């Protein structure tokens, strides 16, 4: 059962204006014994969910940290996602964002990974890669990401781990001077391959990120220019990622 259907937390991919698509009206759907049983199960799961605190840990670089916004811990996609779940789905959410600016995959492995187990997470996300490209260190990316996944799988099931694609920084003039579109595509393909061999789902925020070409409000306007999303673009990412995380949290209910 999806997040929107269960709790009215509308986290579909955002439109160019940043608004979410409302879920269809359930009242127009025919009721069957199977659908009623599924609905009862969803209601019971949601009820149990309200009686506990869910713990989400996010790993990564500037994009997960929330760089570019006035208040990263409020406007970054992890914070927006957690706030939406808490407010609209009436869940108690504990978010620990371990991401750090300028981190590449090796630094995530060295500096962030060791802090995860002590947080006792229900879900962990990983989004890293742009600094591997900028620093010409993409050669070791697959090895590092694979090692991160393997360590996470020592404490979590594959269904509790999500990989988030790296946005294309080369959509900006600043980014084109520090990498190529082909390098971003290749890096994300490595992420998908490492995740697929371990049964880990990859969530693609690319379609939202690509809208910067037609919507300037999705990108921070700075001097010198940097390829940082605005809170609006981060909201779109939260809408794309949120349903997957929410379903994983509910499925982990006893």
C-alpha atoms as a PDB file:
ATOM      1  CA  UNK A   1       0.000   0.000   0.000  1.00  0.00           C
ATOM      2  CA  UNK A   2       1.500   3.326  -1.043  1.00  0.00           C
ATOM      3  CA  UNK A   3       2.126   6.264   1.221  1.00  0.00           C
ATOM      4  CA  UNK A   4      -0.450   8.453  -0.503  1.00  0.00           C
ATOM      5  CA  UNK A   5      -3.136   5.767  -0.313  1.00  0.00           C
ATOM      6  CA  UNK A   6      -2.494   4.844   3.315  1.00  0.00           C
ATOM      7  CA  UNK A   7      -1.956   8.174   4.981  1.00  0.00           C
ATOM      8  CA  UNK A   8      -2.733  10.941   2.541  1.00  0.00           C
ATOM      9  CA  UNK A   9       0.928  11.927   2.528  1.00  0.00           C
ATOM     10  CA  UNK A  10       1.093  13.087  -1.072  1.00  0.00           C
ATOM     11  CA  UNK A  11       4.713  12.535  -2.004  1.00  0.00           C
ATOM     12  CA  UNK A  12       4.485  11.968  -5.740  1.00  0.00           C
ATOM     13  CA  UNK A  13       7.053  13.599  -8.036  1.00  0.00           C
ATOM     14  CA  UNK A  14       6.469  17.328  -7.896  1.00  0.00           C
ATOM     15  CA  UNK A  15       5.279  19.410 -10.795  1.00  0.00           C
ATOM     16  CA  UNK A  16       7.348  22.279 -12.155  1.00  0.00           C
ATOM     17  CA  UNK A  17       5.632  24.482  -9.592  1.00  0.00           C
ATOM     18  CA  UNK A  18       6.668  22.160  -6.780  1.00  0.00           C
ATOM     19  CA  UNK A  19       3.142  21.030  -5.968  1.00  0.00           C
ATOM     20  CA  UNK A  20       2.329  17.394  -5.358  1.00  0.00           C
ATOM     21  CA  UNK A  21      -0.224  15.386  -7.296  1.00  0.00           C
ATOM     22  CA  UNK A  22      -3.209  14.536  -5.112  1.00  0.00           C
ATOM     23  CA  UNK A  23      -4.084  10.836  -4.734  1.00  0.00           C
ATOM     24  CA  UNK A  24      -7.211   9.627  -6.524  1.00  0.00           C
ATOM     25  CA  UNK A  25     -10.473   9.641  -4.616  1.00  0.00           C
ATOM     26  CA  UNK A  26     -10.820   6.227  -3.026  1.00  0.00           C
ATOM     27  CA  UNK A  27     -14.588   6.597  -2.920  1.00  0.00           C
ATOM     28  CA  UNK A  28     -14.892   5.957  -6.647  1.00  0.00           C
ATOM     29  CA  UNK A  29     -13.206   2.549  -6.422  1.00  0.00           C
ATOM     30  CA  UNK A  30     -15.414  -0.580  -6.216  1.00  0.00           C
ATOM     31  CA  UNK A  31     -15.175  -2.337  -2.853  1.00  0.00           C
ATOM     32  CA  UNK A  32     -14.361  -6.038  -2.812  1.00  0.00           C
ATOM     33  CA  UNK A  33     -13.529  -8.468  -0.047  1.00  0.00           C
ATOM     34  CA  UNK A  34      -9.888  -8.367  -1.074  1.00  0.00           C
ATOM     35  CA  UNK A  35      -9.770  -4.583  -1.166  1.00  0.00           C
ATOM     36  CA  UNK A  36     -11.506  -4.312   2.200  1.00  0.00           C
ATOM     37  CA  UNK A  37      -9.030  -6.774   3.737  1.00  0.00           C
ATOM     38  CA  UNK A  38      -6.126  -4.817   2.274  1.00  0.00           C
ATOM     39  CA  UNK A  39      -7.585  -1.570   3.579  1.00  0.00           C
ATOM     40  CA  UNK A  40      -8.055  -3.063   7.051  1.00  0.00           C
ATOM     41  CA  UNK A  41      -4.458  -4.271   7.013  1.00  0.00           C
ATOM     42  CA  UNK A  42      -3.211  -0.846   5.987  1.00  0.00           C
ATOM     43  CA  UNK A  43      -5.244   0.831   8.720  1.00  0.00           C
ATOM     44  CA  UNK A  44      -3.930  -1.587  11.342  1.00  0.00           C
ATOM     45  CA  UNK A  45      -0.351  -1.061  10.164  1.00  0.00           C
ATOM     46  CA  UNK A  46      -0.778   2.713  10.277  1.00  0.00           C
ATOM     47  CA  UNK A  47      -2.294   2.465  13.760  1.00  0.00           C
ATOM     48  CA  UNK A  48       0.655   0.425  15.042  1.00  0.00           C
ATOM     49  CA  UNK A  49       3.021   2.887  13.363  1.00  0.00           C
ATOM     50  CA  UNK A  50       1.718   5.748  15.486  1.00  0.00           C
ATOM     51  CA  UNK A  51       2.734   3.929  18.650  1.00  0.00           C
ATOM     52  CA  UNK A  52       6.460   3.912  17.964  1.00  0.00           C
ATOM     53  CA  UNK A  53       9.279   6.169  16.800  1.00  0.00           C
ATOM     54  CA  UNK A  54      10.817   5.454  13.415  1.00  0.00           C
ATOM     55  CA  UNK A  55      14.510   6.118  12.973  1.00  0.00           C
ATOM     56  CA  UNK A  56      15.854   7.270   9.608  1.00  0.00           C
ATOM     57  CA  UNK A  57      19.569   7.769   8.903  1.00  0.00           C
ATOM     58  CA  UNK A  58      20.796   9.533   5.774  1.00  0.00           C
ATOM     59  CA  UNK A  59      24.338   9.278   4.410  1.00  0.00           C
ATOM     60  CA  UNK A  60      25.948  11.319   1.684  1.00  0.00           C
ATOM     61  CA  UNK A  61      27.374  14.588   0.479  1.00  0.00           C
ATOM     62  CA  UNK A  62      26.201  18.195   0.074  1.00  0.00           C
ATOM     63  CA  UNK A  63      23.006  17.165  -1.687  1.00  0.00           C
ATOM     64  CA  UNK A  64      21.815  15.156   1.299  1.00  0.00           C
ATOM     65  CA  UNK A  65      23.205  17.675   3.783  1.00  0.00           C
ATOM     66  CA  UNK A  66      21.026  20.359   2.183  1.00  0.00           C
ATOM     67  CA  UNK A  67      23.738  22.701   0.948  1.00  0.00           C
ATOM     68  CA  UNK A  68      22.643  25.860  -0.818  1.00  0.00           C
ATOM     69  CA  UNK A  69      19.594  26.542   1.343  1.00  0.00           C
ATOM     70  CA  UNK A  70      19.326  29.069   4.159  1.00  0.00           C
ATOM     71  CA  UNK A  71      18.613  26.307   6.679  1.00  0.00           C
ATOM     72  CA  UNK A  72      19.925  22.929   5.468  1.00  0.00           C
ATOM     73  CA  UNK A  73      18.573  21.022   8.466  1.00  0.00           C
ATOM     74  CA  UNK A  74      15.112  22.361   7.670  1.00  0.00           C
ATOM     75  CA  UNK A  75      15.110  22.688   3.876  1.00  0.00           C
ATOM     76  CA  UNK A  76      17.202  19.687   2.774  1.00  0.00           C
ATOM     77  CA  UNK A  77      15.254  16.779   1.331  1.00  0.00           C
ATOM     78  CA  UNK A  78      15.708  14.494   4.398  1.00  0.00           C
ATOM     79  CA  UNK A  79      14.249  17.137   6.721  1.00  0.00           C
ATOM     80  CA  UNK A  80      11.371  17.930   4.376  1.00  0.00           C
ATOM     81  CA  UNK A  81      10.578  14.243   3.964  1.00  0.00           C
ATOM     82  CA  UNK A  82      10.639  13.572   7.711  1.00  0.00           C
ATOM     83  CA  UNK A  83       8.492  16.635   8.432  1.00  0.00           C
ATOM     84  CA  UNK A  84       5.906  15.574   5.862  1.00  0.00           C
ATOM     85  CA  UNK A  85       5.642  12.112   7.382  1.00  0.00           C
ATOM     86  CA  UNK A  86       5.345  13.475  10.894  1.00  0.00           C
ATOM     87  CA  UNK A  87       2.752  16.098   9.999  1.00  0.00           C
ATOM     88  CA  UNK A  88       0.615  14.386   7.388  1.00  0.00           C
ATOM     89  CA  UNK A  89       0.923  10.735   8.376  1.00  0.00           C
ATOM     90  CA  UNK A  90       1.033  11.417  12.123  1.00  0.00           C
ATOM     91  CA  UNK A  91       4.217   9.408  12.646  1.00  0.00           C
ATOM     92  CA  UNK A  92       6.965   9.976  15.189  1.00  0.00           C
ATOM     93  CA  UNK A  93      10.127  10.337  13.130  1.00  0.00           C
ATOM     94  CA  UNK A  94      13.691  10.546  14.378  1.00  0.00           C
ATOM     95  CA  UNK A  95      16.002  11.752  11.594  1.00  0.00           C
ATOM     96  CA  UNK A  96      19.782  11.601  11.838  1.00  0.00           C
ATOM     97  CA  UNK A  97      21.358  13.242   8.823  1.00  0.00           C
ATOM     98  CA  UNK A  98      25.011  12.194   8.851  1.00  0.00           C
ATOM     99  CA  UNK A  99      25.784  13.669   5.421  1.00  0.00           C
ATOM    100  CA  UNK A 100      28.619  16.157   5.164  1.00  0.00           C
ATOM    101  CA  UNK A 101      29.538  18.744   2.579  1.00  0.00           C
ATOM    102  CA  UNK A 102      32.354  17.819   0.166  1.00  0.00           C
ATOM    103  CA  UNK A 103      32.154  14.119   1.011  1.00  0.00           C
ATOM    104  CA  UNK A 104      32.936  11.544  -1.654  1.00  0.00           C
ATOM    105  CA  UNK A 105      32.183   7.829  -1.439  1.00  0.00           C
ATOM    106  CA  UNK A 106      35.442   7.098   0.396  1.00  0.00           C
ATOM    107  CA  UNK A 107      34.754   9.736   3.048  1.00  0.00           C
ATOM    108  CA  UNK A 108      31.211   8.446   3.563  1.00  0.00           C
ATOM    109  CA  UNK A 109      32.709   5.021   4.141  1.00  0.00           C
ATOM    110  CA  UNK A 110      35.371   6.334   6.518  1.00  0.00           C
ATOM    111  CA  UNK A 111      33.537   9.083   8.425  1.00  0.00           C
ATOM    112  CA  UNK A 112      29.810   8.359   8.330  1.00  0.00           C
ATOM    113  CA  UNK A 113      29.284   4.629   8.032  1.00  0.00           C
ATOM    114  CA  UNK A 114      30.638   3.804  11.475  1.00  0.00           C
ATOM    115  CA  UNK A 115      27.986   5.987  13.117  1.00  0.00           C
ATOM    116  CA  UNK A 116      25.000   4.182  11.619  1.00  0.00           C
ATOM    117  CA  UNK A 117      24.625   1.129  13.845  1.00  0.00           C
ATOM    118  CA  UNK A 118      24.527   3.173  17.040  1.00  0.00           C
ATOM    119  CA  UNK A 119      21.516   5.056  15.666  1.00  0.00           C
ATOM    120  CA  UNK A 120      19.499   1.803  15.474  1.00  0.00           C
ATOM    121  CA  UNK A 121      17.905   2.858  12.178  1.00  0.00           C
ATOM    122  CA  UNK A 122      14.778   1.480  10.569  1.00  0.00           C
ATOM    123  CA  UNK A 123      15.828   2.887   7.191  1.00  0.00           C
ATOM    124  CA  UNK A 124      19.125   4.171   5.788  1.00  0.00           C
ATOM    125  CA  UNK A 125      19.601   6.131   2.571  1.00  0.00           C
ATOM    126  CA  UNK A 126      22.806   6.762   0.621  1.00  0.00           C
ATOM    127  CA  UNK A 127      23.345   9.538  -1.917  1.00  0.00           C
ATOM    128  CA  UNK A 128      26.935  10.270  -2.913  1.00  0.00           C
ATOM    129  CA  UNK A 129      28.981  10.668  -6.067  1.00  0.00           C
ATOM    130  CA  UNK A 130      29.381  14.228  -7.327  1.00  0.00           C
ATOM    131  CA  UNK A 131      32.640  14.766  -5.435  1.00  0.00           C
ATOM    132  CA  UNK A 132      34.017  11.501  -6.790  1.00  0.00           C
ATOM    133  CA  UNK A 133      33.572  13.009 -10.264  1.00  0.00           C
ATOM    134  CA  UNK A 134      34.836  16.482  -9.407  1.00  0.00           C
ATOM    135  CA  UNK A 135      37.874  15.056  -7.637  1.00  0.00           C
ATOM    136  CA  UNK A 136      38.621  12.610 -10.467  1.00  0.00           C
ATOM    137  CA  UNK A 137      38.162   9.707  -8.052  1.00  0.00           C
ATOM    138  CA  UNK A 138      35.259   7.935  -9.739  1.00  0.00           C
ATOM    139  CA  UNK A 139      37.433   4.887 -10.412  1.00  0.00           C
ATOM    140  CA  UNK A 140      37.014   3.732  -6.811  1.00  0.00           C
ATOM    141  CA  UNK A 141      33.332   4.628  -6.579  1.00  0.00           C
ATOM    142  CA  UNK A 142      31.853   1.174  -7.223  1.00  0.00           C
ATOM    143  CA  UNK A 143      34.225  -0.422  -4.726  1.00  0.00           C
ATOM    144  CA  UNK A 144      33.383   2.104  -2.004  1.00  0.00           C
ATOM    145  CA  UNK A 145      29.631   1.983  -2.578  1.00  0.00           C
ATOM    146  CA  UNK A 146      29.684  -1.811  -2.576  1.00  0.00           C
ATOM    147  CA  UNK A 147      31.554  -1.810   0.727  1.00  0.00           C
ATOM    148  CA  UNK A 148      29.068   0.673   2.221  1.00  0.00           C
ATOM    149  CA  UNK A 149      26.155  -1.526   1.160  1.00  0.00           C
ATOM    150  CA  UNK A 150      27.829  -4.642   2.553  1.00  0.00           C
ATOM    151  CA  UNK A 151      28.358  -2.998   5.926  1.00  0.00           C
ATOM    152  CA  UNK A 152      24.778  -1.739   6.037  1.00  0.00           C
ATOM    153  CA  UNK A 153      23.520  -5.224   5.226  1.00  0.00           C
ATOM    154  CA  UNK A 154      25.136  -6.448   8.431  1.00  0.00           C
ATOM    155  CA  UNK A 155      22.546  -4.502  10.422  1.00  0.00           C
ATOM    156  CA  UNK A 156      19.607  -4.052   8.023  1.00  0.00           C
ATOM    157  CA  UNK A 157      17.631  -5.987   5.430  1.00  0.00           C
ATOM    158  CA  UNK A 158      17.973  -4.888   1.776  1.00  0.00           C
ATOM    159  CA  UNK A 159      14.415  -3.511   1.899  1.00  0.00           C
ATOM    160  CA  UNK A 160      15.507  -1.053   4.588  1.00  0.00           C
ATOM    161  CA  UNK A 161      18.296   0.476   2.497  1.00  0.00           C
ATOM    162  CA  UNK A 162      17.800   2.945  -0.357  1.00  0.00           C
ATOM    163  CA  UNK A 163      20.304   4.356  -2.817  1.00  0.00           C
ATOM    164  CA  UNK A 164      19.536   7.787  -4.275  1.00  0.00           C
ATOM    165  CA  UNK A 165      20.962   8.764  -7.644  1.00  0.00           C
ATOM    166  CA  UNK A 166      23.426  11.622  -7.931  1.00  0.00           C
ATOM    167  CA  UNK A 167      21.964  14.702  -9.666  1.00  0.00           C
ATOM    168  CA  UNK A 168      23.585  15.993 -12.826  1.00  0.00           C
ATOM    169  CA  UNK A 169      25.734  18.948 -11.783  1.00  0.00           C
ATOM    170  CA  UNK A 170      26.765  19.423 -15.429  1.00  0.00           C
ATOM    171  CA  UNK A 171      23.360  20.966 -16.125  1.00  0.00           C
ATOM    172  CA  UNK A 172      24.992  24.168 -14.848  1.00  0.00           C
ATOM    173  CA  UNK A 173      27.896  26.143 -16.287  1.00  0.00           C
ATOM    174  CA  UNK A 174      29.822  25.617 -13.040  1.00  0.00           C
ATOM    175  CA  UNK A 175      29.294  21.884 -13.268  1.00  0.00           C
ATOM    176  CA  UNK A 176      30.268  21.591 -16.937  1.00  0.00           C
ATOM    177  CA  UNK A 177      33.715  22.873 -16.004  1.00  0.00           C
ATOM    178  CA  UNK A 178      34.037  20.077 -13.445  1.00  0.00           C
ATOM    179  CA  UNK A 179      32.867  16.937 -15.171  1.00  0.00           C
ATOM    180  CA  UNK A 180      30.746  15.562 -17.964  1.00  0.00           C
ATOM    181  CA  UNK A 181      27.187  14.341 -18.286  1.00  0.00           C
ATOM    182  CA  UNK A 182      28.565  10.991 -19.390  1.00  0.00           C
ATOM    183  CA  UNK A 183      30.513  10.716 -16.134  1.00  0.00           C
ATOM    184  CA  UNK A 184      27.340  11.267 -14.119  1.00  0.00           C
ATOM    185  CA  UNK A 185      25.482   8.635 -16.152  1.00  0.00           C
ATOM    186  CA  UNK A 186      28.313   6.138 -15.696  1.00  0.00           C
ATOM    187  CA  UNK A 187      28.516   6.788 -11.958  1.00  0.00           C
ATOM    188  CA  UNK A 188      24.783   6.276 -11.478  1.00  0.00           C
ATOM    189  CA  UNK A 189      24.960   3.084 -13.515  1.00  0.00           C
ATOM    190  CA  UNK A 190      27.665   1.825 -11.146  1.00  0.00           C
ATOM    191  CA  UNK A 191      25.375   2.668  -8.231  1.00  0.00           C
ATOM    192  CA  UNK A 192      22.532   0.694  -9.818  1.00  0.00           C
ATOM    193  CA  UNK A 193      24.734  -2.310 -10.473  1.00  0.00           C
ATOM    194  CA  UNK A 194      26.126  -2.444  -6.947  1.00  0.00           C
ATOM    195  CA  UNK A 195      22.636  -2.033  -5.504  1.00  0.00           C
ATOM    196  CA  UNK A 196      21.025  -4.608  -7.814  1.00  0.00           C
ATOM    197  CA  UNK A 197      23.457  -7.364  -6.858  1.00  0.00           C
ATOM    198  CA  UNK A 198      22.417  -6.867  -3.226  1.00  0.00           C
ATOM    199  CA  UNK A 199      18.675  -6.434  -3.696  1.00  0.00           C
ATOM    200  CA  UNK A 200      18.768  -2.737  -2.768  1.00  0.00           C
ATOM    201  CA  UNK A 201      16.378  -0.314  -4.444  1.00  0.00           C
ATOM    202  CA  UNK A 202      17.661   2.762  -6.271  1.00  0.00           C
ATOM    203  CA  UNK A 203      15.458   5.877  -6.318  1.00  0.00           C
ATOM    204  CA  UNK A 204      16.046   8.168  -9.286  1.00  0.00           C
ATOM    205  CA  UNK A 205      15.698  11.899  -8.621  1.00  0.00           C
ATOM    206  CA  UNK A 206      17.023  12.684 -12.120  1.00  0.00           C
ATOM    207  CA  UNK A 207      13.675  13.628 -13.720  1.00  0.00           C
ATOM    208  CA  UNK A 208      13.172  16.306 -11.065  1.00  0.00           C
ATOM    209  CA  UNK A 209      16.762  17.551 -11.235  1.00  0.00           C
ATOM    210  CA  UNK A 210      16.578  17.833 -15.033  1.00  0.00           C
ATOM    211  CA  UNK A 211      13.828  20.434 -14.737  1.00  0.00           C
ATOM    212  CA  UNK A 212      16.447  23.045 -13.812  1.00  0.00           C
ATOM    213  CA  UNK A 213      16.851  23.548 -17.566  1.00  0.00           C
ATOM    214  CA  UNK A 214      13.328  25.010 -17.752  1.00  0.00           C
ATOM    215  CA  UNK A 215      12.705  26.212 -14.196  1.00  0.00           C
ATOM    216  CA  UNK A 216      15.315  28.562 -12.724  1.00  0.00           C
ATOM    217  CA  UNK A 217      13.585  28.494  -9.336  1.00  0.00           C
ATOM    218  CA  UNK A 218      14.890  24.951  -8.784  1.00  0.00           C
ATOM    219  CA  UNK A 219      18.504  26.116  -8.669  1.00  0.00           C
ATOM    220  CA  UNK A 220      20.237  28.495  -6.260  1.00  0.00           C
ATOM    221  CA  UNK A 221      21.218  31.760  -7.905  1.00  0.00           C
ATOM    222  CA  UNK A 222      24.648  32.616  -6.497  1.00  0.00           C
ATOM    223  CA  UNK A 223      27.887  34.337  -7.453  1.00  0.00           C
ATOM    224  CA  UNK A 224      29.921  32.387  -8.308  1.00  0.00           C
ATOM    225  CA  UNK A 225      27.182  29.978  -9.444  1.00  0.00           C
ATOM    226  CA  UNK A 226      27.016  26.565  -7.750  1.00  0.00           C
ATOM    227  CA  UNK A 227      24.831  23.604  -8.748  1.00  0.00           C
ATOM    228  CA  UNK A 228      22.876  23.546  -5.484  1.00  0.00           C
ATOM    229  CA  UNK A 229      19.132  22.886  -5.454  1.00  0.00           C
ATOM    230  CA  UNK A 230      16.715  25.303  -3.832  1.00  0.00           C
ATOM    231  CA  UNK A 231      14.361  24.156  -1.101  1.00  0.00           C
ATOM    232  CA  UNK A 232      11.784  23.762  -3.868  1.00  0.00           C
ATOM    233  CA  UNK A 233      13.894  21.235  -5.759  1.00  0.00           C
ATOM    234  CA  UNK A 234      14.723  19.419  -2.526  1.00  0.00           C
ATOM    235  CA  UNK A 235      10.967  19.222  -1.907  1.00  0.00           C
ATOM    236  CA  UNK A 236      10.591  17.440  -5.219  1.00  0.00           C
ATOM    237  CA  UNK A 237      13.251  14.943  -4.198  1.00  0.00           C
ATOM    238  CA  UNK A 238      11.457  14.372  -0.892  1.00  0.00           C
ATOM    239  CA  UNK A 239       8.254  13.698  -2.798  1.00  0.00           C
ATOM    240  CA  UNK A 240      10.029  11.109  -4.936  1.00  0.00           C
ATOM    241  CA  UNK A 241      11.861   9.396  -2.073  1.00  0.00           C
ATOM    242  CA  UNK A 242       9.222   9.626   0.652  1.00  0.00           C
ATOM    243  CA  UNK A 243       6.780   6.920  -0.485  1.00  0.00           C
ATOM    244  CA  UNK A 244       9.537   4.314  -0.698  1.00  0.00           C
ATOM    245  CA  UNK A 245      10.810   5.123   2.786  1.00  0.00           C
ATOM    246  CA  UNK A 246       7.302   5.224   4.228  1.00  0.00           C
ATOM    247  CA  UNK A 247       6.392   1.811   2.812  1.00  0.00           C
ATOM    248  CA  UNK A 248       9.622   0.360   4.178  1.00  0.00           C
ATOM    249  CA  UNK A 249       8.850   1.745   7.630  1.00  0.00           C
ATOM    250  CA  UNK A 250       5.336   0.281   7.681  1.00  0.00           C
ATOM    251  CA  UNK A 251       6.481  -3.098   6.356  1.00  0.00           C
ATOM    252  CA  UNK A 252       8.949  -3.308   9.248  1.00  0.00           C
ATOM    253  CA  UNK A 253       6.080  -3.232  11.750  1.00  0.00           C
ATOM    254  CA  UNK A 254       5.812  -6.335  13.979  1.00  0.00           C
END
